[in-house]
Amino acid sequence: MNNSDYNKAEDAVNNTQNSLENAAEKAKWKVNELADKAKDYINEKRANDEEASHEDWLDKVKANVSDAWEGVKDQASDAWEKTKDAAEDVKAEWNKKTN
């Protein structure tokens, strides 16, 4: 197996890692945004002389998070496929060289 094959596999793994790190960073920002939105929700209920409820808040979050989850899921699936394909390519090349 030549260095080019190893480099391709290594690049695929690095790209996968970068994709997952980007997804994690986006998720972290989403958590911070949700914390701000929770404060806004509580303040809005208080201003309208209504009681803020945990269940109502979770319903609002669930609706918003489902969209974010789809994006993270797509990136994670892409990363999985790229890594799996690269690993299979390296394995096939290795088998050719050793058989």
N, C-alpha and C. Protein backbone atom coordinates (compact mmCIF):
# COMPACT_ATOMS: atom_id res chain seq x y z
N MET A 1 0.86 -1.16 0.00
CA MET A 1 0.00 0.00 0.00
C MET A 1 0.91 1.22 0.00
N ASN A 2 0.61 2.18 -0.86
CA ASN A 2 1.47 3.35 -0.92
C ASN A 2 0.97 4.47 -0.02
N ASN A 3 1.82 5.47 0.13
CA ASN A 3 1.49 6.59 1.03
C ASN A 3 0.24 7.33 0.59
N SER A 4 -0.02 7.36 -0.70
CA SER A 4 -1.21 8.05 -1.20
C SER A 4 -2.48 7.45 -0.61
N ASP A 5 -2.54 6.12 -0.55
CA ASP A 5 -3.72 5.45 0.02
C ASP A 5 -3.88 5.76 1.50
N TYR A 6 -2.77 5.73 2.22
CA TYR A 6 -2.83 6.08 3.64
C TYR A 6 -3.25 7.53 3.82
N ASN A 7 -2.72 8.41 2.96
CA ASN A 7 -3.07 9.83 3.06
C ASN A 7 -4.55 10.05 2.80
N LYS A 8 -5.11 9.33 1.82
CA LYS A 8 -6.54 9.46 1.54
C LYS A 8 -7.37 9.01 2.74
N ALA A 9 -6.98 7.92 3.33
CA ALA A 9 -7.71 7.42 4.50
C ALA A 9 -7.58 8.39 5.67
N GLU A 10 -6.37 8.89 5.87
CA GLU A 10 -6.15 9.84 6.96
C GLU A 10 -6.95 11.12 6.73
N ASP A 11 -6.99 11.59 5.49
CA ASP A 11 -7.79 12.79 5.17
C ASP A 11 -9.27 12.55 5.44
N ALA A 12 -9.75 11.38 5.08
CA ALA A 12 -11.16 11.06 5.32
C ALA A 12 -11.47 11.07 6.81
N VAL A 13 -10.57 10.49 7.61
CA VAL A 13 -10.78 10.47 9.06
C VAL A 13 -10.72 11.89 9.61
N ASN A 14 -9.76 12.69 9.14
CA ASN A 14 -9.66 14.08 9.60
C ASN A 14 -10.91 14.88 9.23
N ASN A 15 -11.41 14.67 8.02
CA ASN A 15 -12.63 15.37 7.60
C ASN A 15 -13.81 14.96 8.47
N THR A 16 -13.87 13.69 8.80
CA THR A 16 -14.94 13.20 9.67
C THR A 16 -14.84 13.84 11.05
N GLN A 17 -13.63 13.88 11.58
CA GLN A 17 -13.42 14.49 12.89
C GLN A 17 -13.84 15.96 12.86
N ASN A 18 -13.45 16.67 11.82
CA ASN A 18 -13.81 18.09 11.71
C ASN A 18 -15.32 18.26 11.63
N SER A 19 -15.99 17.40 10.88
CA SER A 19 -17.45 17.49 10.77
C SER A 19 -18.12 17.29 12.13
N LEU A 20 -17.65 16.29 12.87
CA LEU A 20 -18.24 16.03 14.19
C LEU A 20 -17.94 17.14 15.18
N GLU A 21 -16.72 17.69 15.11
CA GLU A 21 -16.37 18.81 16.00
C GLU A 21 -17.24 20.02 15.68
N ASN A 22 -17.46 20.28 14.40
CA ASN A 22 -18.32 21.40 14.01
C ASN A 22 -19.75 21.19 14.50
N ALA A 23 -20.24 19.96 14.38
CA ALA A 23 -21.59 19.66 14.85
C ALA A 23 -21.69 19.86 16.36
N ALA A 24 -20.65 19.43 17.09
CA ALA A 24 -20.64 19.59 18.55
C ALA A 24 -20.60 21.07 18.93
N GLU A 25 -19.82 21.84 18.20
CA GLU A 25 -19.74 23.28 18.48
C GLU A 25 -21.08 23.95 18.23
N LYS A 26 -21.74 23.57 17.15
CA LYS A 26 -23.07 24.13 16.85
C LYS A 26 -24.06 23.74 17.95
N ALA A 27 -23.96 22.50 18.43
CA ALA A 27 -24.86 22.05 19.50
C ALA A 27 -24.62 22.85 20.77
N LYS A 28 -23.35 23.15 21.06
CA LYS A 28 -23.03 23.94 22.25
C LYS A 28 -23.69 25.32 22.16
N TRP A 29 -23.59 25.93 20.97
CA TRP A 29 -24.22 27.23 20.79
C TRP A 29 -25.74 27.11 20.92
N LYS A 30 -26.30 26.02 20.46
CA LYS A 30 -27.74 25.82 20.59
C LYS A 30 -28.15 25.78 22.06
N VAL A 31 -27.33 25.13 22.89
CA VAL A 31 -27.64 25.06 24.33
C VAL A 31 -27.64 26.46 24.92
N ASN A 32 -26.64 27.26 24.56
CA ASN A 32 -26.58 28.63 25.07
C ASN A 32 -27.78 29.44 24.59
N GLU A 33 -28.16 29.25 23.35
CA GLU A 33 -29.34 29.95 22.82
C GLU A 33 -30.60 29.50 23.56
N LEU A 34 -30.70 28.21 23.83
CA LEU A 34 -31.87 27.70 24.55
C LEU A 34 -31.94 28.27 25.96
N ALA A 35 -30.81 28.42 26.61
CA ALA A 35 -30.81 29.01 27.95
C ALA A 35 -31.34 30.44 27.89
N ASP A 36 -30.91 31.19 26.90
CA ASP A 36 -31.41 32.56 26.73
C ASP A 36 -32.91 32.55 26.43
N LYS A 37 -33.33 31.62 25.59
CA LYS A 37 -34.75 31.53 25.25
C LYS A 37 -35.59 31.11 26.46
N ALA A 38 -35.03 30.27 27.32
CA ALA A 38 -35.74 29.87 28.54
C ALA A 38 -35.97 31.09 29.43
N LYS A 39 -34.95 31.93 29.56
CA LYS A 39 -35.11 33.17 30.34
C LYS A 39 -36.17 34.05 29.72
N ASP A 40 -36.13 34.18 28.40
CA ASP A 40 -37.13 34.99 27.71
C ASP A 40 -38.54 34.43 27.92
N TYR A 41 -38.67 33.12 27.83
CA TYR A 41 -39.95 32.45 28.03
C TYR A 41 -40.50 32.75 29.43
N ILE A 42 -39.65 32.58 30.43
CA ILE A 42 -40.07 32.83 31.81
C ILE A 42 -40.46 34.29 32.01
N ASN A 43 -39.65 35.19 31.47
CA ASN A 43 -39.97 36.62 31.59
C ASN A 43 -41.26 36.99 30.86
N GLU A 44 -41.48 36.38 29.71
CA GLU A 44 -42.72 36.65 28.95
C GLU A 44 -43.94 36.18 29.73
N LYS A 45 -43.85 34.98 30.31
CA LYS A 45 -44.97 34.47 31.11
C LYS A 45 -45.22 35.37 32.33
N ARG A 46 -44.14 35.78 32.98
CA ARG A 46 -44.25 36.65 34.14
C ARG A 46 -44.90 37.99 33.75
N ALA A 47 -44.49 38.54 32.62
CA ALA A 47 -45.03 39.83 32.15
C ALA A 47 -46.52 39.72 31.84
N ASN A 48 -46.95 38.55 31.40
CA ASN A 48 -48.36 38.34 31.08
C ASN A 48 -49.14 37.77 32.27
N ASP A 49 -48.50 37.79 33.44
CA ASP A 49 -49.10 37.28 34.67
C ASP A 49 -49.59 35.83 34.50
N GLU A 50 -48.74 35.05 33.81
CA GLU A 50 -49.02 33.63 33.61
C GLU A 50 -47.92 32.83 34.29
N GLU A 51 -48.23 31.59 34.56
CA GLU A 51 -47.23 30.73 35.18
C GLU A 51 -46.45 29.98 34.09
N ALA A 52 -45.16 30.07 34.17
CA ALA A 52 -44.30 29.31 33.25
C ALA A 52 -44.28 27.86 33.72
N SER A 53 -44.45 26.94 32.79
CA SER A 53 -44.42 25.54 33.19
C SER A 53 -43.31 24.80 32.45
N HIS A 54 -42.80 23.84 33.14
CA HIS A 54 -41.73 23.00 32.60
C HIS A 54 -42.22 22.27 31.34
N GLU A 55 -43.42 21.72 31.40
CA GLU A 55 -43.96 20.97 30.26
C GLU A 55 -44.14 21.87 29.03
N ASP A 56 -44.68 23.05 29.24
CA ASP A 56 -44.86 23.99 28.12
C ASP A 56 -43.52 24.36 27.52
N TRP A 57 -42.53 24.62 28.37
CA TRP A 57 -41.19 24.95 27.88
C TRP A 57 -40.61 23.79 27.08
N LEU A 58 -40.73 22.57 27.59
CA LEU A 58 -40.20 21.42 26.88
C LEU A 58 -40.89 21.21 25.53
N ASP A 59 -42.17 21.49 25.46
CA ASP A 59 -42.87 21.39 24.18
C ASP A 59 -42.29 22.38 23.16
N LYS A 60 -42.01 23.60 23.63
CA LYS A 60 -41.41 24.60 22.74
C LYS A 60 -40.02 24.16 22.28
N VAL A 61 -39.24 23.64 23.21
CA VAL A 61 -37.88 23.20 22.90
C VAL A 61 -37.92 22.01 21.94
N LYS A 62 -38.80 21.08 22.22
CA LYS A 62 -38.90 19.88 21.38
C LYS A 62 -39.16 20.26 19.92
N ALA A 63 -40.03 21.20 19.71
CA ALA A 63 -40.34 21.64 18.35
C ALA A 63 -39.11 22.23 17.66
N ASN A 64 -38.32 22.99 18.41
CA ASN A 64 -37.13 23.63 17.82
C ASN A 64 -35.95 22.67 17.69
N VAL A 65 -35.79 21.80 18.65
CA VAL A 65 -34.64 20.90 18.65
C VAL A 65 -34.76 19.84 17.56
N SER A 66 -35.95 19.46 17.21
CA SER A 66 -36.10 18.42 16.19
C SER A 66 -35.45 18.86 14.87
N ASP A 67 -35.55 20.15 14.54
CA ASP A 67 -34.89 20.65 13.34
C ASP A 67 -33.37 20.57 13.47
N ALA A 68 -32.86 20.96 14.62
CA ALA A 68 -31.41 20.93 14.84
C ALA A 68 -30.91 19.49 14.82
N TRP A 69 -31.67 18.57 15.40
CA TRP A 69 -31.26 17.17 15.43
C TRP A 69 -31.11 16.62 14.02
N GLU A 70 -32.00 16.99 13.13
CA GLU A 70 -31.91 16.49 11.76
C GLU A 70 -30.58 16.91 11.12
N GLY A 71 -30.15 18.14 11.37
CA GLY A 71 -28.87 18.60 10.83
C GLY A 71 -27.70 17.84 11.41
N VAL A 72 -27.71 17.65 12.72
CA VAL A 72 -26.63 16.91 13.38
C VAL A 72 -26.63 15.46 12.91
N LYS A 73 -27.80 14.88 12.81
CA LYS A 73 -27.92 13.48 12.36
C LYS A 73 -27.35 13.32 10.96
N ASP A 74 -27.66 14.26 10.07
CA ASP A 74 -27.14 14.19 8.70
C ASP A 74 -25.63 14.28 8.68
N GLN A 75 -25.06 15.19 9.46
CA GLN A 75 -23.60 15.33 9.50
C GLN A 75 -22.96 14.08 10.09
N ALA A 76 -23.54 13.54 11.13
CA ALA A 76 -22.98 12.33 11.74
C ALA A 76 -23.06 11.15 10.78
N SER A 77 -24.14 11.04 10.04
CA SER A 77 -24.28 9.96 9.05
C SER A 77 -23.26 10.11 7.93
N ASP A 78 -23.08 11.32 7.45
CA ASP A 78 -22.07 11.57 6.42
C ASP A 78 -20.68 11.21 6.93
N ALA A 79 -20.38 11.61 8.14
CA ALA A 79 -19.07 11.31 8.72
C ALA A 79 -18.88 9.79 8.83
N TRP A 80 -19.91 9.10 9.25
CA TRP A 80 -19.84 7.64 9.38
C TRP A 80 -19.53 7.00 8.02
N GLU A 81 -20.28 7.40 7.01
CA GLU A 81 -20.10 6.81 5.69
C GLU A 81 -18.72 7.09 5.12
N LYS A 82 -18.24 8.32 5.27
CA LYS A 82 -16.92 8.66 4.75
C LYS A 82 -15.83 7.85 5.44
N THR A 83 -15.94 7.73 6.74
CA THR A 83 -14.93 6.98 7.50
C THR A 83 -15.00 5.51 7.15
N LYS A 84 -16.21 4.98 7.08
CA LYS A 84 -16.39 3.56 6.75
C LYS A 84 -15.84 3.27 5.35
N ASP A 85 -16.16 4.13 4.39
CA ASP A 85 -15.67 3.94 3.02
C ASP A 85 -14.15 4.00 2.96
N ALA A 86 -13.57 4.96 3.65
CA ALA A 86 -12.11 5.11 3.65
C ALA A 86 -11.46 3.89 4.29
N ALA A 87 -12.03 3.42 5.37
CA ALA A 87 -11.47 2.24 6.05
C ALA A 87 -11.56 1.01 5.15
N GLU A 88 -12.67 0.87 4.44
CA GLU A 88 -12.82 -0.27 3.53
C GLU A 88 -11.84 -0.17 2.37
N ASP A 89 -11.61 1.04 1.86
CA ASP A 89 -10.63 1.23 0.79
C ASP A 89 -9.23 0.85 1.25
N VAL A 90 -8.87 1.29 2.44
CA VAL A 90 -7.55 0.97 2.97
C VAL A 90 -7.42 -0.54 3.18
N LYS A 91 -8.47 -1.16 3.72
CA LYS A 91 -8.45 -2.61 3.95
C LYS A 91 -8.30 -3.36 2.63
N ALA A 92 -9.03 -2.93 1.60
CA ALA A 92 -8.94 -3.58 0.29
C ALA A 92 -7.54 -3.44 -0.30
N GLU A 93 -6.97 -2.27 -0.18
CA GLU A 93 -5.61 -2.05 -0.69
C GLU A 93 -4.61 -2.90 0.08
N TRP A 94 -4.80 -2.98 1.37
CA TRP A 94 -3.90 -3.76 2.20
C TRP A 94 -3.99 -5.24 1.81
N ASN A 95 -5.22 -5.71 1.60
CA ASN A 95 -5.41 -7.11 1.21
C ASN A 95 -4.76 -7.39 -0.15
N LYS A 96 -4.84 -6.45 -1.08
CA LYS A 96 -4.21 -6.62 -2.40
C LYS A 96 -2.70 -6.75 -2.25
N LYS A 97 -2.14 -5.93 -1.39
CA LYS A 97 -0.69 -5.91 -1.21
C LYS A 97 -0.18 -7.14 -0.49
N THR A 98 -1.00 -7.68 0.42
CA THR A 98 -0.53 -8.79 1.24
C THR A 98 -0.91 -10.15 0.69
N ASN A 99 -1.80 -10.20 -0.28
CA ASN A 99 -2.23 -11.50 -0.83
C ASN A 99 -1.54 -11.82 -2.10
